[in-house]
Amino acid sequence: MDKWKNDQSRYLAINATDENWGMVVTTIGCQFILPQGEYPSSHHPEQYNLKPQTGRVLNEYQLVYITQGSGYFSSQSCKKRKIYGGTMILLFPGEWHNYYPDKDTGWDEYWVGFRGSYMDQQVERGFFSKKEPLHQIRLSATVVGLYEDILKLAVQEKSGYQQIISGIVMHILGTVYYKEKNNSFSNVDVIDKINQARIIIKQTLEESLNPEDLATQLGLGYSWFRRVFKEYTGVSPVQYQLQQKMIQAKEYLNDPSSTIASIAYRLGFETVGQFSTFFRKREGVSPTKFREMMRLPENIEKE
């Protein structure tokens, strides 16, 4: 079967309930451009029509995944660049952009359009930027499968389908962020050191290992270790250690045979009061209150 026969596109109806969800999907589709083929290959509504000679501006976000071939991309915030299979393009509302396949290679393209407060917030918080619209996530059958799932659900149009397909878009966004974040750490030895550090921290919670000593144990300078650890995990070694202590404290509190005093000392706190202050600051309730909240009501039998 010729590739072009598989081209598909859907433009979706949206109601007020969908808008209240925080994200709505506006369009989903795919097109497969053969070498020397016409681009775009099929007719689209005027507001979506992309003319390589002039580009376009959309009033929504789009995730355009190029899985095969090569071509070119440019936008108001990004100079013209050559792109290849494995590139995810993130388009922004109100941002002029242009992209098209190389005549010699063509390309395979999947797209999904969406808008809503959820994505607006992710952009405001710095997770995604107009200045960096190209994301190298390589070829992923899983991501292609997510696009295909959206298309299948959009065709069926069952009740509540907007909510599930917008959730899939969030999944794609999370995958893009995760893959690019990890791709930026190409030095396997560095990643191994960070993972080793996390294991040691988890194993020494009751010893309150000093992060400087941990860096020395790993044969690293502390300043460099702290910076790279935070870049990779999002928190400093000290913060990570405190997070793990909090997780362990909750596990101990679920054991009725452990007193709060014994938990405090096991986790390296000098006094019960110090432990209670630490716990309340992070959980919003005292250890005693947390333990009460975790208990089953007396009228419910434990299985």
Foldseek 3Di string as FASTA:
>chain_A
DDQQVQWDKDAADDDPVLQVLFKFWGMWIKGFAAQQGDPPPDDDPPQPDADQVFFHAHQWKKKKAWAAAKWWKDWPQGHIDIGGHQKIFIHHHPITMHIAGDNGGTTIMIMITMHGRVVVVCVVVPLDDPNCRIFRQHHDPVLVVLSVVLVVLRVVVDPPSRVVNVVSVVVSSVSRSVRRLVVVPPPVVLVVLLVVLLVVLLVCQQVPDDQCVSCVVSVHHSVVNQVSNCSNPVHGSVVSSLVSLLVVLLVQLLDVVDDLQNSCNSRPHPGSVVVQVSNCVPPVHGSVVSSVVPDDPPVDDDD
